[in-house]
Amino acid sequence: MAEMEFFLASLNIFLYNRKSEKRYSMSKKDKKIEIQLTDAKVTVGKDSYEGYVLTIGKKVIGEIAELDSQFAIIKNGNVDSFYKKLEKAVEILIENYNLTK
């Protein structure tokens, strides 16, 4: 796949699309933070859907499922919110992670 870069909002995040794994990189006061978005099966209720798992280091910070041509943030096995673009769902997960940290 061709390598693509997207700038996400005011965060200093870059998206690299390599096969089925996307890597985000953020810098925080000279400290690099690696964020990975990997393809995964995501469980919503009793059903399983194609989606993504967002991790920082070894910690899972969120799941995103592809439902009805939209991207849903999944919390505790239930849909929390819907977004039209994957990048927006990733941005929201990162913001929520930073707010609860």
PDB file of N, CA and C in Angstrom:
ATOM      1  N   MET A   1       0.840  -1.182   0.000  1.00  0.00           N
ATOM      2  CA  MET A   1       0.000   0.000   0.000  1.00  0.00           C
ATOM      3  C   MET A   1       0.883   1.242   0.000  1.00  0.00           C
ATOM      4  N   ALA A   2       0.371   2.260  -0.584  1.00  0.00           N
ATOM      5  CA  ALA A   2       1.108   3.532  -0.603  1.00  0.00           C
ATOM      6  C   ALA A   2       1.097   4.134   0.799  1.00  0.00           C
ATOM      7  N   GLU A   3       2.170   4.796   1.139  1.00  0.00           N
ATOM      8  CA  GLU A   3       2.276   5.418   2.464  1.00  0.00           C
ATOM      9  C   GLU A   3       1.575   6.772   2.439  1.00  0.00           C
ATOM     10  N   MET A   4       0.702   7.014   3.412  1.00  0.00           N
ATOM     11  CA  MET A   4      -0.074   8.250   3.464  1.00  0.00           C
ATOM     12  C   MET A   4       0.157   8.958   4.788  1.00  0.00           C
ATOM     13  N   GLU A   5       0.113  10.274   4.744  1.00  0.00           N
ATOM     14  CA  GLU A   5       0.221  11.081   5.963  1.00  0.00           C
ATOM     15  C   GLU A   5      -0.999  11.974   6.090  1.00  0.00           C
ATOM     16  N   PHE A   6      -1.559  12.037   7.267  1.00  0.00           N
ATOM     17  CA  PHE A   6      -2.675  12.931   7.554  1.00  0.00           C
ATOM     18  C   PHE A   6      -2.317  13.740   8.799  1.00  0.00           C
ATOM     19  N   PHE A   7      -2.672  14.971   8.790  1.00  0.00           N
ATOM     20  CA  PHE A   7      -2.489  15.773  10.000  1.00  0.00           C
ATOM     21  C   PHE A   7      -3.811  15.773  10.739  1.00  0.00           C
ATOM     22  N   LEU A   8      -3.799  15.380  11.997  1.00  0.00           N
ATOM     23  CA  LEU A   8      -5.021  15.273  12.774  1.00  0.00           C
ATOM     24  C   LEU A   8      -5.143  16.456  13.723  1.00  0.00           C
ATOM     25  N   ALA A   9      -6.081  17.332  13.423  1.00  0.00           N
ATOM     26  CA  ALA A   9      -6.421  18.492  14.262  1.00  0.00           C
ATOM     27  C   ALA A   9      -5.180  19.240  14.717  1.00  0.00           C
ATOM     28  N   SER A  10      -5.180  19.730  15.921  1.00  0.00           N
ATOM     29  CA  SER A  10      -4.032  20.491  16.410  1.00  0.00           C
ATOM     30  C   SER A  10      -2.997  19.592  17.079  1.00  0.00           C
ATOM     31  N   LEU A  11      -3.294  18.295  17.181  1.00  0.00           N
ATOM     32  CA  LEU A  11      -2.325  17.361  17.739  1.00  0.00           C
ATOM     33  C   LEU A  11      -1.224  17.118  16.729  1.00  0.00           C
ATOM     34  N   ASN A  12      -0.036  16.883  17.196  1.00  0.00           N
ATOM     35  CA  ASN A  12       1.096  16.616  16.310  1.00  0.00           C
ATOM     36  C   ASN A  12       1.166  15.113  16.061  1.00  0.00           C
ATOM     37  N   ILE A  13       0.174  14.601  15.280  1.00  0.00           N
ATOM     38  CA  ILE A  13       0.030  13.170  15.048  1.00  0.00           C
ATOM     39  C   ILE A  13       0.126  12.909  13.558  1.00  0.00           C
ATOM     40  N   PHE A  14       0.838  11.879  13.192  1.00  0.00           N
ATOM     41  CA  PHE A  14       0.944  11.508  11.791  1.00  0.00           C
ATOM     42  C   PHE A  14       0.524  10.064  11.614  1.00  0.00           C
ATOM     43  N   LEU A  15      -0.200   9.801  10.523  1.00  0.00           N
ATOM     44  CA  LEU A  15      -0.708   8.469  10.238  1.00  0.00           C
ATOM     45  C   LEU A  15       0.118   7.848   9.133  1.00  0.00           C
ATOM     46  N   TYR A  16       0.660   6.678   9.381  1.00  0.00           N
ATOM     47  CA  TYR A  16       1.401   5.947   8.368  1.00  0.00           C
ATOM     48  C   TYR A  16       0.660   4.644   8.112  1.00  0.00           C
ATOM     49  N   ASN A  17       0.268   4.413   6.886  1.00  0.00           N
ATOM     50  CA  ASN A  17      -0.495   3.228   6.541  1.00  0.00           C
ATOM     51  C   ASN A  17       0.448   2.195   5.943  1.00  0.00           C
ATOM     52  N   ARG A  18       0.766   1.171   6.700  1.00  0.00           N
ATOM     53  CA  ARG A  18       1.633   0.092   6.231  1.00  0.00           C
ATOM     54  C   ARG A  18       0.893  -1.212   6.441  1.00  0.00           C
ATOM     55  N   LYS A  19       0.482  -1.849   5.363  1.00  0.00           N
ATOM     56  CA  LYS A  19      -0.285  -3.096   5.400  1.00  0.00           C
ATOM     57  C   LYS A  19      -1.498  -2.882   6.290  1.00  0.00           C
ATOM     58  N   SER A  20      -1.653  -3.709   7.336  1.00  0.00           N
ATOM     59  CA  SER A  20      -2.843  -3.580   8.176  1.00  0.00           C
ATOM     60  C   SER A  20      -2.556  -2.853   9.488  1.00  0.00           C
ATOM     61  N   GLU A  21      -1.386  -2.251   9.598  1.00  0.00           N
ATOM     62  CA  GLU A  21      -1.031  -1.566  10.844  1.00  0.00           C
ATOM     63  C   GLU A  21      -0.736  -0.098  10.582  1.00  0.00           C
ATOM     64  N   LYS A  22      -1.303   0.758  11.392  1.00  0.00           N
ATOM     65  CA  LYS A  22      -1.078   2.189  11.264  1.00  0.00           C
ATOM     66  C   LYS A  22      -0.343   2.638  12.508  1.00  0.00           C
ATOM     67  N   ARG A  23       0.620   3.523  12.350  1.00  0.00           N
ATOM     68  CA  ARG A  23       1.394   4.025  13.489  1.00  0.00           C
ATOM     69  C   ARG A  23       1.212   5.535  13.598  1.00  0.00           C
ATOM     70  N   TYR A  24       0.994   5.979  14.808  1.00  0.00           N
ATOM     71  CA  TYR A  24       0.886   7.396  15.092  1.00  0.00           C
ATOM     72  C   TYR A  24       2.073   7.775  15.967  1.00  0.00           C
ATOM     73  N   SER A  25       2.546   8.967  15.818  1.00  0.00           N
ATOM     74  CA  SER A  25       3.662   9.417  16.645  1.00  0.00           C
ATOM     75  C   SER A  25       3.330  10.788  17.215  1.00  0.00           C
ATOM     76  N   MET A  26       3.459  10.922  18.518  1.00  0.00           N
ATOM     77  CA  MET A  26       3.214  12.196  19.182  1.00  0.00           C
ATOM     78  C   MET A  26       4.453  12.555  19.980  1.00  0.00           C
ATOM     79  N   SER A  27       4.773  13.824  20.017  1.00  0.00           N
ATOM     80  CA  SER A  27       5.875  14.226  20.886  1.00  0.00           C
ATOM     81  C   SER A  27       5.312  15.063  22.024  1.00  0.00           C
ATOM     82  N   LYS A  28       5.781  14.799  23.221  1.00  0.00           N
ATOM     83  CA  LYS A  28       5.320  15.510  24.403  1.00  0.00           C
ATOM     84  C   LYS A  28       6.556  15.927  25.184  1.00  0.00           C
ATOM     85  N   LYS A  29       6.955  17.187  25.032  1.00  0.00           N
ATOM     86  CA  LYS A  29       8.138  17.711  25.714  1.00  0.00           C
ATOM     87  C   LYS A  29       9.341  16.800  25.509  1.00  0.00           C
ATOM     88  N   ASP A  30       9.743  16.621  24.280  1.00  0.00           N
ATOM     89  CA  ASP A  30      10.893  15.808  23.905  1.00  0.00           C
ATOM     90  C   ASP A  30      10.721  14.323  24.217  1.00  0.00           C
ATOM     91  N   LYS A  31       9.519  13.893  24.543  1.00  0.00           N
ATOM     92  CA  LYS A  31       9.268  12.495  24.861  1.00  0.00           C
ATOM     93  C   LYS A  31       8.395  11.906  23.753  1.00  0.00           C
ATOM     94  N   LYS A  32       8.916  10.920  23.031  1.00  0.00           N
ATOM     95  CA  LYS A  32       8.164  10.291  21.952  1.00  0.00           C
ATOM     96  C   LYS A  32       7.167   9.299  22.533  1.00  0.00           C
ATOM     97  N   ILE A  33       5.963   9.326  22.008  1.00  0.00           N
ATOM     98  CA  ILE A  33       4.922   8.389  22.407  1.00  0.00           C
ATOM     99  C   ILE A  33       4.470   7.663  21.148  1.00  0.00           C
ATOM    100  N   GLU A  34       4.532   6.340  21.156  1.00  0.00           N
ATOM    101  CA  GLU A  34       4.106   5.582  19.982  1.00  0.00           C
ATOM    102  C   GLU A  34       2.692   5.065  20.190  1.00  0.00           C
ATOM    103  N   ILE A  35       1.845   5.375  19.234  1.00  0.00           N
ATOM    104  CA  ILE A  35       0.454   4.943  19.259  1.00  0.00           C
ATOM    105  C   ILE A  35       0.246   4.038  18.058  1.00  0.00           C
ATOM    106  N   GLN A  36      -0.320   2.841  18.280  1.00  0.00           N
ATOM    107  CA  GLN A  36      -0.555   1.908  17.188  1.00  0.00           C
ATOM    108  C   GLN A  36      -2.038   1.655  17.011  1.00  0.00           C
ATOM    109  N   LEU A  37      -2.449   1.591  15.747  1.00  0.00           N
ATOM    110  CA  LEU A  37      -3.814   1.250  15.384  1.00  0.00           C
ATOM    111  C   LEU A  37      -3.733  -0.006  14.538  1.00  0.00           C
ATOM    112  N   THR A  38      -4.209  -1.128  15.068  1.00  0.00           N
ATOM    113  CA  THR A  38      -4.094  -2.398  14.362  1.00  0.00           C
ATOM    114  C   THR A  38      -5.469  -2.973  14.048  1.00  0.00           C
ATOM    115  N   ASP A  39      -5.553  -3.692  12.933  1.00  0.00           N
ATOM    116  CA  ASP A  39      -6.786  -4.371  12.549  1.00  0.00           C
ATOM    117  C   ASP A  39      -7.117  -5.434  13.584  1.00  0.00           C
ATOM    118  N   ALA A  40      -8.411  -5.564  13.907  1.00  0.00           N
ATOM    119  CA  ALA A  40      -8.833  -6.558  14.893  1.00  0.00           C
ATOM    120  C   ALA A  40     -10.320  -6.842  14.738  1.00  0.00           C
ATOM    121  N   LYS A  41     -10.759  -7.945  15.304  1.00  0.00           N
ATOM    122  CA  LYS A  41     -12.186  -8.230  15.430  1.00  0.00           C
ATOM    123  C   LYS A  41     -12.635  -7.573  16.725  1.00  0.00           C
ATOM    124  N   VAL A  42     -13.685  -6.769  16.636  1.00  0.00           N
ATOM    125  CA  VAL A  42     -14.182  -6.037  17.803  1.00  0.00           C
ATOM    126  C   VAL A  42     -15.555  -6.592  18.165  1.00  0.00           C
ATOM    127  N   THR A  43     -15.764  -6.888  19.439  1.00  0.00           N
ATOM    128  CA  THR A  43     -17.029  -7.445  19.902  1.00  0.00           C
ATOM    129  C   THR A  43     -17.944  -6.328  20.383  1.00  0.00           C
ATOM    130  N   VAL A  44     -19.162  -6.317  19.812  1.00  0.00           N
ATOM    131  CA  VAL A  44     -20.194  -5.363  20.215  1.00  0.00           C
ATOM    132  C   VAL A  44     -21.393  -6.199  20.639  1.00  0.00           C
ATOM    133  N   GLY A  45     -21.680  -6.191  21.924  1.00  0.00           N
ATOM    134  CA  GLY A  45     -22.728  -7.070  22.440  1.00  0.00           C
ATOM    135  C   GLY A  45     -22.285  -8.513  22.259  1.00  0.00           C
ATOM    136  N   LYS A  46     -23.074  -9.292  21.502  1.00  0.00           N
ATOM    137  CA  LYS A  46     -22.721 -10.689  21.222  1.00  0.00           C
ATOM    138  C   LYS A  46     -22.149 -10.861  19.826  1.00  0.00           C
ATOM    139  N   ASP A  47     -22.110  -9.791  19.040  1.00  0.00           N
ATOM    140  CA  ASP A  47     -21.640  -9.852  17.656  1.00  0.00           C
ATOM    141  C   ASP A  47     -20.197  -9.392  17.540  1.00  0.00           C
ATOM    142  N   SER A  48     -19.537  -9.876  16.475  1.00  0.00           N
ATOM    143  CA  SER A  48     -18.145  -9.511  16.216  1.00  0.00           C
ATOM    144  C   SER A  48     -18.063  -8.790  14.876  1.00  0.00           C
ATOM    145  N   TYR A  49     -17.329  -7.678  14.820  1.00  0.00           N
ATOM    146  CA  TYR A  49     -17.211  -6.857  13.622  1.00  0.00           C
ATOM    147  C   TYR A  49     -15.746  -6.578  13.311  1.00  0.00           C
ATOM    148  N   GLU A  50     -15.486  -6.221  12.045  1.00  0.00           N
ATOM    149  CA  GLU A  50     -14.153  -5.769  11.656  1.00  0.00           C
ATOM    150  C   GLU A  50     -13.919  -4.417  12.311  1.00  0.00           C
ATOM    151  N   GLY A  51     -12.706  -4.200  12.774  1.00  0.00           N
ATOM    152  CA  GLY A  51     -12.419  -2.928  13.411  1.00  0.00           C
ATOM    153  C   GLY A  51     -10.951  -2.765  13.723  1.00  0.00           C
ATOM    154  N   TYR A  52     -10.677  -1.935  14.718  1.00  0.00           N
ATOM    155  CA  TYR A  52      -9.308  -1.572  15.076  1.00  0.00           C
ATOM    156  C   TYR A  52      -9.157  -1.510  16.590  1.00  0.00           C
ATOM    157  N   VAL A  53      -7.934  -1.748  17.047  1.00  0.00           N
ATOM    158  CA  VAL A  53      -7.584  -1.574  18.457  1.00  0.00           C
ATOM    159  C   VAL A  53      -6.493  -0.517  18.516  1.00  0.00           C
ATOM    160  N   LEU A  54      -6.688   0.498  19.350  1.00  0.00           N
ATOM    161  CA  LEU A  54      -5.728   1.587  19.506  1.00  0.00           C
ATOM    162  C   LEU A  54      -4.935   1.356  20.790  1.00  0.00           C
ATOM    163  N   THR A  55      -3.599   1.306  20.671  1.00  0.00           N
ATOM    164  CA  THR A  55      -2.755   1.059  21.833  1.00  0.00           C
ATOM    165  C   THR A  55      -1.671   2.123  21.963  1.00  0.00           C
ATOM    166  N   ILE A  56      -1.321   2.426  23.201  1.00  0.00           N
ATOM    167  CA  ILE A  56      -0.176   3.278  23.504  1.00  0.00           C
ATOM    168  C   ILE A  56       0.775   2.389  24.291  1.00  0.00           C
ATOM    169  N   GLY A  57       1.928   2.114  23.701  1.00  0.00           N
ATOM    170  CA  GLY A  57       2.850   1.153  24.304  1.00  0.00           C
ATOM    171  C   GLY A  57       2.189  -0.208  24.320  1.00  0.00           C
ATOM    172  N   LYS A  58       1.979  -0.767  25.511  1.00  0.00           N
ATOM    173  CA  LYS A  58       1.306  -2.061  25.641  1.00  0.00           C
ATOM    174  C   LYS A  58      -0.121  -1.912  26.163  1.00  0.00           C
ATOM    175  N   LYS A  59      -0.545  -0.671  26.412  1.00  0.00           N
ATOM    176  CA  LYS A  59      -1.866  -0.420  26.985  1.00  0.00           C
ATOM    177  C   LYS A  59      -2.901  -0.142  25.893  1.00  0.00           C
ATOM    178  N   VAL A  60      -3.994  -0.901  25.910  1.00  0.00           N
ATOM    179  CA  VAL A  60      -5.098  -0.678  24.971  1.00  0.00           C
ATOM    180  C   VAL A  60      -5.901   0.508  25.484  1.00  0.00           C
ATOM    181  N   ILE A  61      -6.059   1.536  24.612  1.00  0.00           N
ATOM    182  CA  ILE A  61      -6.817   2.715  25.052  1.00  0.00           C
ATOM    183  C   ILE A  61      -8.187   2.807  24.399  1.00  0.00           C
ATOM    184  N   GLY A  62      -8.468   1.948  23.412  1.00  0.00           N
ATOM    185  CA  GLY A  62      -9.782   1.976  22.807  1.00  0.00           C
ATOM    186  C   GLY A  62      -9.939   1.021  21.651  1.00  0.00           C
ATOM    187  N   GLU A  63     -11.208   0.776  21.305  1.00  0.00           N
ATOM    188  CA  GLU A  63     -11.555  -0.060  20.162  1.00  0.00           C
ATOM    189  C   GLU A  63     -12.483   0.720  19.248  1.00  0.00           C
ATOM    190  N   ILE A  64     -12.315   0.497  17.947  1.00  0.00           N
ATOM    191  CA  ILE A  64     -13.160   1.142  16.944  1.00  0.00           C
ATOM    192  C   ILE A  64     -13.693   0.054  16.029  1.00  0.00           C
ATOM    193  N   ALA A  65     -15.009   0.028  15.811  1.00  0.00           N
ATOM    194  CA  ALA A  65     -15.633  -0.954  14.925  1.00  0.00           C
ATOM    195  C   ALA A  65     -16.208  -0.246  13.711  1.00  0.00           C
ATOM    196  N   GLU A  66     -16.169  -0.928  12.558  1.00  0.00           N
ATOM    197  CA  GLU A  66     -16.784  -0.395  11.344  1.00  0.00           C
ATOM    198  C   GLU A  66     -18.216  -0.904  11.280  1.00  0.00           C
ATOM    199  N   LEU A  67     -19.178   0.001  11.506  1.00  0.00           N
ATOM    200  CA  LEU A  67     -20.593  -0.348  11.496  1.00  0.00           C
ATOM    201  C   LEU A  67     -21.346   0.558  10.535  1.00  0.00           C
ATOM    202  N   ASP A  68     -22.038  -0.032   9.571  1.00  0.00           N
ATOM    203  CA  ASP A  68     -22.873   0.736   8.635  1.00  0.00           C
ATOM    204  C   ASP A  68     -22.130   1.907   8.004  1.00  0.00           C
ATOM    205  N   SER A  69     -20.948   1.669   7.473  1.00  0.00           N
ATOM    206  CA  SER A  69     -20.117   2.678   6.800  1.00  0.00           C
ATOM    207  C   SER A  69     -19.689   3.818   7.723  1.00  0.00           C
ATOM    208  N   GLN A  70     -19.744   3.588   9.017  1.00  0.00           N
ATOM    209  CA  GLN A  70     -19.273   4.567   9.991  1.00  0.00           C
ATOM    210  C   GLN A  70     -18.335   3.875  10.968  1.00  0.00           C
ATOM    211  N   PHE A  71     -17.633   4.669  11.747  1.00  0.00           N
ATOM    212  CA  PHE A  71     -16.690   4.141  12.721  1.00  0.00           C
ATOM    213  C   PHE A  71     -17.240   4.410  14.116  1.00  0.00           C
ATOM    214  N   ALA A  72     -17.432   3.336  14.878  1.00  0.00           N
ATOM    215  CA  ALA A  72     -18.018   3.441  16.214  1.00  0.00           C
ATOM    216  C   ALA A  72     -16.956   3.196  17.273  1.00  0.00           C
ATOM    217  N   ILE A  73     -16.901   4.071  18.262  1.00  0.00           N
ATOM    218  CA  ILE A  73     -16.027   3.849  19.409  1.00  0.00           C
ATOM    219  C   ILE A  73     -16.762   2.894  20.345  1.00  0.00           C
ATOM    220  N   ILE A  74     -16.069   1.820  20.733  1.00  0.00           N
ATOM    221  CA  ILE A  74     -16.667   0.788  21.571  1.00  0.00           C
ATOM    222  C   ILE A  74     -16.110   0.896  22.987  1.00  0.00           C
ATOM    223  N   LYS A  75     -17.010   0.966  23.962  1.00  0.00           N
ATOM    224  CA  LYS A  75     -16.614   0.985  25.374  1.00  0.00           C
ATOM    225  C   LYS A  75     -17.408  -0.091  26.096  1.00  0.00           C
ATOM    226  N   ASN A  76     -16.715  -0.963  26.800  1.00  0.00           N
ATOM    227  CA  ASN A  76     -17.335  -2.055  27.564  1.00  0.00           C
ATOM    228  C   ASN A  76     -18.277  -2.904  26.714  1.00  0.00           C
ATOM    229  N   GLY A  77     -17.926  -3.130  25.463  1.00  0.00           N
ATOM    230  CA  GLY A  77     -18.722  -3.976  24.580  1.00  0.00           C
ATOM    231  C   GLY A  77     -19.939  -3.302  23.984  1.00  0.00           C
ATOM    232  N   ASN A  78     -20.105  -2.007  24.213  1.00  0.00           N
ATOM    233  CA  ASN A  78     -21.243  -1.257  23.679  1.00  0.00           C
ATOM    234  C   ASN A  78     -20.762  -0.061  22.868  1.00  0.00           C
ATOM    235  N   VAL A  79     -21.593   0.371  21.912  1.00  0.00           N
ATOM    236  CA  VAL A  79     -21.257   1.530  21.080  1.00  0.00           C
ATOM    237  C   VAL A  79     -21.380   2.793  21.916  1.00  0.00           C
ATOM    238  N   ASP A  80     -20.311   3.586  21.930  1.00  0.00           N
ATOM    239  CA  ASP A  80     -20.302   4.847  22.671  1.00  0.00           C
ATOM    240  C   ASP A  80     -20.679   6.014  21.766  1.00  0.00           C
ATOM    241  N   SER A  81     -20.074   6.060  20.559  1.00  0.00           N
ATOM    242  CA  SER A  81     -20.348   7.153  19.619  1.00  0.00           C
ATOM    243  C   SER A  81     -19.945   6.747  18.208  1.00  0.00           C
ATOM    244  N   PHE A  82     -20.514   7.436  17.206  1.00  0.00           N
ATOM    245  CA  PHE A  82     -20.242   7.172  15.792  1.00  0.00           C
ATOM    246  C   PHE A  82     -19.518   8.349  15.147  1.00  0.00           C
ATOM    247  N   TYR A  83     -18.627   8.045  14.188  1.00  0.00           N
ATOM    248  CA  TYR A  83     -17.912   9.069  13.425  1.00  0.00           C
ATOM    249  C   TYR A  83     -17.831   8.640  11.970  1.00  0.00           C
ATOM    250  N   LYS A  84     -17.856   9.617  11.066  1.00  0.00           N
ATOM    251  CA  LYS A  84     -17.790   9.327   9.634  1.00  0.00           C
ATOM    252  C   LYS A  84     -16.393   8.929   9.187  1.00  0.00           C
ATOM    253  N   LYS A  85     -15.363   9.448   9.880  1.00  0.00           N
ATOM    254  CA  LYS A  85     -13.976   9.178   9.489  1.00  0.00           C
ATOM    255  C   LYS A  85     -13.227   8.479  10.620  1.00  0.00           C
ATOM    256  N   LEU A  86     -12.372   7.543  10.228  1.00  0.00           N
ATOM    257  CA  LEU A  86     -11.540   6.823  11.187  1.00  0.00           C
ATOM    258  C   LEU A  86     -10.639   7.782  11.953  1.00  0.00           C
ATOM    259  N   GLU A  87     -10.081   8.764  11.263  1.00  0.00           N
ATOM    260  CA  GLU A  87      -9.170   9.712  11.896  1.00  0.00           C
ATOM    261  C   GLU A  87      -9.839  10.465  13.045  1.00  0.00           C
ATOM    262  N   LYS A  88     -11.114  10.809  12.882  1.00  0.00           N
ATOM    263  CA  LYS A  88     -11.849  11.528  13.929  1.00  0.00           C
ATOM    264  C   LYS A  88     -12.062  10.626  15.147  1.00  0.00           C
ATOM    265  N   ALA A  89     -12.399   9.359  14.906  1.00  0.00           N
ATOM    266  CA  ALA A  89     -12.588   8.412  16.008  1.00  0.00           C
ATOM    267  C   ALA A  89     -11.282   8.220  16.778  1.00  0.00           C
ATOM    268  N   VAL A  90     -10.161   8.112  16.056  1.00  0.00           N
ATOM    269  CA  VAL A  90      -8.846   7.971  16.690  1.00  0.00           C
ATOM    270  C   VAL A  90      -8.527   9.219  17.507  1.00  0.00           C
ATOM    271  N   GLU A  91      -8.786  10.380  16.941  1.00  0.00           N
ATOM    272  CA  GLU A  91      -8.527  11.650  17.635  1.00  0.00           C
ATOM    273  C   GLU A  91      -9.308  11.726  18.946  1.00  0.00           C
ATOM    274  N   ILE A  92     -10.581  11.338  18.915  1.00  0.00           N
ATOM    275  CA  ILE A  92     -11.428  11.378  20.113  1.00  0.00           C
ATOM    276  C   ILE A  92     -10.907  10.411  21.175  1.00  0.00           C
ATOM    277  N   LEU A  93     -10.504   9.201  20.762  1.00  0.00           N
ATOM    278  CA  LEU A  93      -9.950   8.240  21.724  1.00  0.00           C
ATOM    279  C   LEU A  93      -8.691   8.781  22.391  1.00  0.00           C
ATOM    280  N   ILE A  94      -7.821   9.412  21.604  1.00  0.00           N
ATOM    281  CA  ILE A  94      -6.582   9.969  22.152  1.00  0.00           C
ATOM    282  C   ILE A  94      -6.891  11.123  23.105  1.00  0.00           C
ATOM    283  N   GLU A  95      -7.829  11.995  22.724  1.00  0.00           N
ATOM    284  CA  GLU A  95      -8.218  13.104  23.603  1.00  0.00           C
ATOM    285  C   GLU A  95      -8.771  12.578  24.926  1.00  0.00           C
ATOM    286  N   ASN A  96      -9.672  11.575  24.852  1.00  0.00           N
ATOM    287  CA  ASN A  96     -10.256  11.010  26.072  1.00  0.00           C
ATOM    288  C   ASN A  96      -9.192  10.360  26.948  1.00  0.00           C
ATOM    289  N   TYR A  97      -8.242   9.688  26.324  1.00  0.00           N
ATOM    290  CA  TYR A  97      -7.140   9.067  27.069  1.00  0.00           C
ATOM    291  C   TYR A  97      -6.319  10.138  27.792  1.00  0.00           C
ATOM    292  N   ASN A  98      -6.018  11.228  27.087  1.00  0.00           N
ATOM    293  CA  ASN A  98      -5.228  12.306  27.692  1.00  0.00           C
ATOM    294  C   ASN A  98      -5.985  13.008  28.816  1.00  0.00           C
ATOM    295  N   LEU A  99      -7.313  13.112  28.699  1.00  0.00           N
ATOM    296  CA  LEU A  99      -8.113  13.766  29.735  1.00  0.00           C
ATOM    297  C   LEU A  99      -8.231  12.912  30.993  1.00  0.00           C
ATOM    298  N   THR A 100      -8.240  11.597  30.829  1.00  0.00           N
ATOM    299  CA  THR A 100      -8.403  10.709  31.985  1.00  0.00           C
ATOM    300  C   THR A 100      -7.082  10.294  32.604  1.00  0.00           C
ATOM    301  N   LYS A 101      -5.985  10.697  31.993  1.00  0.00           N
ATOM    302  CA  LYS A 101      -4.657  10.337  32.472  1.00  0.00           C
ATOM    303  C   LYS A 101      -4.261  11.099  33.698  1.00  0.00           C
TER     304      LYS A 101
END
